[in-house]
Amino acid sequence: MSVEVEIRGLDVFGRHGVSEEEQRVGQVFLVDIAYVVDEPAADDVAAAVDYRAVRDIARAVSDAEVYSLLETLAGAVADALVAALPVRSVRVRVRKPGISWAEWTSASVERVSGS
């Protein structure tokens, strides 16, 4: 049996974007993560993928590098989650709020674990 877990609207600061100003000033991006895992065998956080680990990985990826594209940032977060955690699959959407001509823009990617 499997279960899908979702984290919506995770605040992740980053210096991502195409312009020099975006990269210099930085901003908060909103990251939505959904991942499929085996259903825990017990009602114990040790038997599950801890939400805090997912949060920490997403923030570490954002901190480690500057990305020009939301697509690339979303892919890097998804790849890191699949590599580090026992997930069957993961879907990551990175939203960039505060666009002058839209409420937000976003990019989404999905990855399936090779194991």
C-alpha atoms as a PDB file:
ATOM      1  CA  MET A   1       0.000   0.000   0.000  1.00  0.00           C
ATOM      2  CA  SER A   2       1.146   3.538  -0.664  1.00  0.00           C
ATOM      3  CA  VAL A   3       0.226   6.994   0.519  1.00  0.00           C
ATOM      4  CA  GLU A   4       0.670  10.434  -1.048  1.00  0.00           C
ATOM      5  CA  VAL A   5       1.925  13.170   1.248  1.00  0.00           C
ATOM      6  CA  GLU A   6       1.707  16.852   0.321  1.00  0.00           C
ATOM      7  CA  ILE A   7       3.480  19.967   1.506  1.00  0.00           C
ATOM      8  CA  ARG A   8       2.013  23.165   0.055  1.00  0.00           C
ATOM      9  CA  GLY A   9       3.430  26.665   0.093  1.00  0.00           C
ATOM     10  CA  LEU A  10       6.814  25.942   1.660  1.00  0.00           C
ATOM     11  CA  ASP A  11       8.680  29.252   1.901  1.00  0.00           C
ATOM     12  CA  VAL A  12      12.108  28.894   0.308  1.00  0.00           C
ATOM     13  CA  PHE A  13      14.348  31.929  -0.059  1.00  0.00           C
ATOM     14  CA  GLY A  14      16.532  31.995  -3.118  1.00  0.00           C
ATOM     15  CA  ARG A  15      18.525  34.223  -5.405  1.00  0.00           C
ATOM     16  CA  HIS A  16      17.044  32.730  -8.538  1.00  0.00           C
ATOM     17  CA  GLY A  17      15.991  34.427 -11.742  1.00  0.00           C
ATOM     18  CA  VAL A  18      17.239  35.657 -15.057  1.00  0.00           C
ATOM     19  CA  SER A  19      18.114  39.225 -14.094  1.00  0.00           C
ATOM     20  CA  GLU A  20      21.116  40.285 -12.049  1.00  0.00           C
ATOM     21  CA  GLU A  21      18.796  42.117  -9.651  1.00  0.00           C
ATOM     22  CA  GLU A  22      16.756  38.967  -8.943  1.00  0.00           C
ATOM     23  CA  GLN A  23      19.961  37.102  -8.194  1.00  0.00           C
ATOM     24  CA  ARG A  24      21.396  39.901  -6.058  1.00  0.00           C
ATOM     25  CA  VAL A  25      18.293  40.682  -3.963  1.00  0.00           C
ATOM     26  CA  GLY A  26      16.620  37.279  -3.877  1.00  0.00           C
ATOM     27  CA  GLN A  27      13.052  36.514  -2.898  1.00  0.00           C
ATOM     28  CA  VAL A  28      10.816  33.906  -1.332  1.00  0.00           C
ATOM     29  CA  PHE A  29       9.618  31.147  -3.647  1.00  0.00           C
ATOM     30  CA  LEU A  30       6.694  28.899  -2.754  1.00  0.00           C
ATOM     31  CA  VAL A  31       7.404  25.212  -3.173  1.00  0.00           C
ATOM     32  CA  ASP A  32       4.677  22.573  -3.334  1.00  0.00           C
ATOM     33  CA  ILE A  33       5.839  18.992  -2.902  1.00  0.00           C
ATOM     34  CA  ALA A  34       3.813  15.807  -3.226  1.00  0.00           C
ATOM     35  CA  TYR A  35       5.480  12.462  -2.731  1.00  0.00           C
ATOM     36  CA  VAL A  36       4.358   8.852  -2.708  1.00  0.00           C
ATOM     37  CA  VAL A  37       5.778   6.501  -0.098  1.00  0.00           C
ATOM     38  CA  ASP A  38       5.000   3.096   1.289  1.00  0.00           C
ATOM     39  CA  GLU A  39       2.326   3.325   3.941  1.00  0.00           C
ATOM     40  CA  PRO A  40       4.048   3.387   7.341  1.00  0.00           C
ATOM     41  CA  ALA A  41       3.963   0.099   9.217  1.00  0.00           C
ATOM     42  CA  ALA A  42       3.412   1.943  12.503  1.00  0.00           C
ATOM     43  CA  ASP A  43       1.989   5.232  13.749  1.00  0.00           C
ATOM     44  CA  ASP A  44       5.490   6.538  14.385  1.00  0.00           C
ATOM     45  CA  VAL A  45       7.493   9.274  12.647  1.00  0.00           C
ATOM     46  CA  ALA A  46      10.442   6.868  12.493  1.00  0.00           C
ATOM     47  CA  ALA A  47       8.361   4.679  10.151  1.00  0.00           C
ATOM     48  CA  ALA A  48       7.600   7.578   7.774  1.00  0.00           C
ATOM     49  CA  VAL A  49       9.400  10.171   5.684  1.00  0.00           C
ATOM     50  CA  ASP A  50       9.659  13.115   8.075  1.00  0.00           C
ATOM     51  CA  TYR A  51       8.255  16.372   6.630  1.00  0.00           C
ATOM     52  CA  ARG A  52      11.163  18.239   8.171  1.00  0.00           C
ATOM     53  CA  ALA A  53      13.649  16.255   6.061  1.00  0.00           C
ATOM     54  CA  VAL A  54      11.709  17.166   2.918  1.00  0.00           C
ATOM     55  CA  ARG A  55      11.706  20.839   3.953  1.00  0.00           C
ATOM     56  CA  ASP A  56      15.408  20.809   4.735  1.00  0.00           C
ATOM     57  CA  ILE A  57      16.332  19.222   1.402  1.00  0.00           C
ATOM     58  CA  ALA A  58      14.290  21.753  -0.592  1.00  0.00           C
ATOM     59  CA  ARG A  59      15.890  24.659   1.270  1.00  0.00           C
ATOM     60  CA  ALA A  60      19.396  23.201   0.936  1.00  0.00           C
ATOM     61  CA  VAL A  61      19.002  22.835  -2.834  1.00  0.00           C
ATOM     62  CA  SER A  62      17.853  26.455  -3.106  1.00  0.00           C
ATOM     63  CA  ASP A  63      20.745  27.656  -0.944  1.00  0.00           C
ATOM     64  CA  ALA A  64      23.394  25.646  -2.797  1.00  0.00           C
ATOM     65  CA  GLU A  65      23.086  27.202  -6.232  1.00  0.00           C
ATOM     66  CA  VAL A  66      21.600  30.080  -8.202  1.00  0.00           C
ATOM     67  CA  TYR A  67      19.130  28.976 -10.864  1.00  0.00           C
ATOM     68  CA  SER A  68      17.971  31.124 -13.764  1.00  0.00           C
ATOM     69  CA  LEU A  69      14.903  28.978 -14.449  1.00  0.00           C
ATOM     70  CA  LEU A  70      12.119  27.775 -12.168  1.00  0.00           C
ATOM     71  CA  GLU A  71      12.153  24.574 -14.209  1.00  0.00           C
ATOM     72  CA  THR A  72      15.756  23.875 -13.258  1.00  0.00           C
ATOM     73  CA  LEU A  73      15.179  24.637  -9.574  1.00  0.00           C
ATOM     74  CA  ALA A  74      12.113  22.365  -9.454  1.00  0.00           C
ATOM     75  CA  GLY A  75      14.054  19.560 -11.136  1.00  0.00           C
ATOM     76  CA  ALA A  76      16.990  19.923  -8.756  1.00  0.00           C
ATOM     77  CA  VAL A  77      14.692  19.726  -5.711  1.00  0.00           C
ATOM     78  CA  ALA A  78      12.908  16.667  -7.120  1.00  0.00           C
ATOM     79  CA  ASP A  79      16.196  14.928  -7.939  1.00  0.00           C
ATOM     80  CA  ALA A  80      17.553  15.601  -4.449  1.00  0.00           C
ATOM     81  CA  LEU A  81      14.414  14.237  -2.786  1.00  0.00           C
ATOM     82  CA  VAL A  82      14.479  11.038  -4.850  1.00  0.00           C
ATOM     83  CA  ALA A  83      18.184  10.570  -4.120  1.00  0.00           C
ATOM     84  CA  ALA A  84      17.928  11.147  -0.372  1.00  0.00           C
ATOM     85  CA  LEU A  85      14.587   9.691   0.705  1.00  0.00           C
ATOM     86  CA  PRO A  86      12.701   6.396   0.267  1.00  0.00           C
ATOM     87  CA  VAL A  87      10.026   7.836  -2.014  1.00  0.00           C
ATOM     88  CA  ARG A  88       8.350   6.052  -4.908  1.00  0.00           C
ATOM     89  CA  SER A  89       7.791   9.296  -6.774  1.00  0.00           C
ATOM     90  CA  VAL A  90       7.807  13.033  -6.201  1.00  0.00           C
ATOM     91  CA  ARG A  91       6.148  16.040  -7.808  1.00  0.00           C
ATOM     92  CA  VAL A  92       7.625  19.493  -7.171  1.00  0.00           C
ATOM     93  CA  ARG A  93       6.099  22.813  -8.190  1.00  0.00           C
ATOM     94  CA  VAL A  94       8.046  26.028  -7.638  1.00  0.00           C
ATOM     95  CA  ARG A  95       5.947  29.198  -7.677  1.00  0.00           C
ATOM     96  CA  LYS A  96       7.357  32.676  -8.072  1.00  0.00           C
ATOM     97  CA  PRO A  97       4.887  35.191  -6.613  1.00  0.00           C
ATOM     98  CA  GLY A  98       4.823  38.936  -7.123  1.00  0.00           C
ATOM     99  CA  ILE A  99       5.120  39.042 -10.883  1.00  0.00           C
ATOM    100  CA  SER A 100       3.996  42.481 -12.115  1.00  0.00           C
ATOM    101  CA  TRP A 101       1.735  40.990 -14.785  1.00  0.00           C
ATOM    102  CA  ALA A 102       0.475  37.846 -13.004  1.00  0.00           C
ATOM    103  CA  GLU A 103      -0.260  36.563  -9.503  1.00  0.00           C
ATOM    104  CA  TRP A 104       2.576  34.041  -9.900  1.00  0.00           C
ATOM    105  CA  THR A 105       4.408  31.870 -12.377  1.00  0.00           C
ATOM    106  CA  SER A 106       5.400  28.261 -11.763  1.00  0.00           C
ATOM    107  CA  ALA A 107       7.173  25.212 -13.061  1.00  0.00           C
ATOM    108  CA  SER A 108       6.400  21.607 -12.081  1.00  0.00           C
ATOM    109  CA  VAL A 109       8.372  18.406 -12.503  1.00  0.00           C
ATOM    110  CA  GLU A 110       7.843  14.779 -11.560  1.00  0.00           C
ATOM    111  CA  ARG A 111      10.380  12.098 -10.818  1.00  0.00           C
ATOM    112  CA  VAL A 112       9.968   8.372 -10.199  1.00  0.00           C
ATOM    113  CA  SER A 113      12.434   6.540  -8.002  1.00  0.00           C
ATOM    114  CA  GLY A 114      14.671   4.054  -9.770  1.00  0.00           C
ATOM    115  CA  SER A 115      14.618   1.633  -6.843  1.00  0.00           C
END
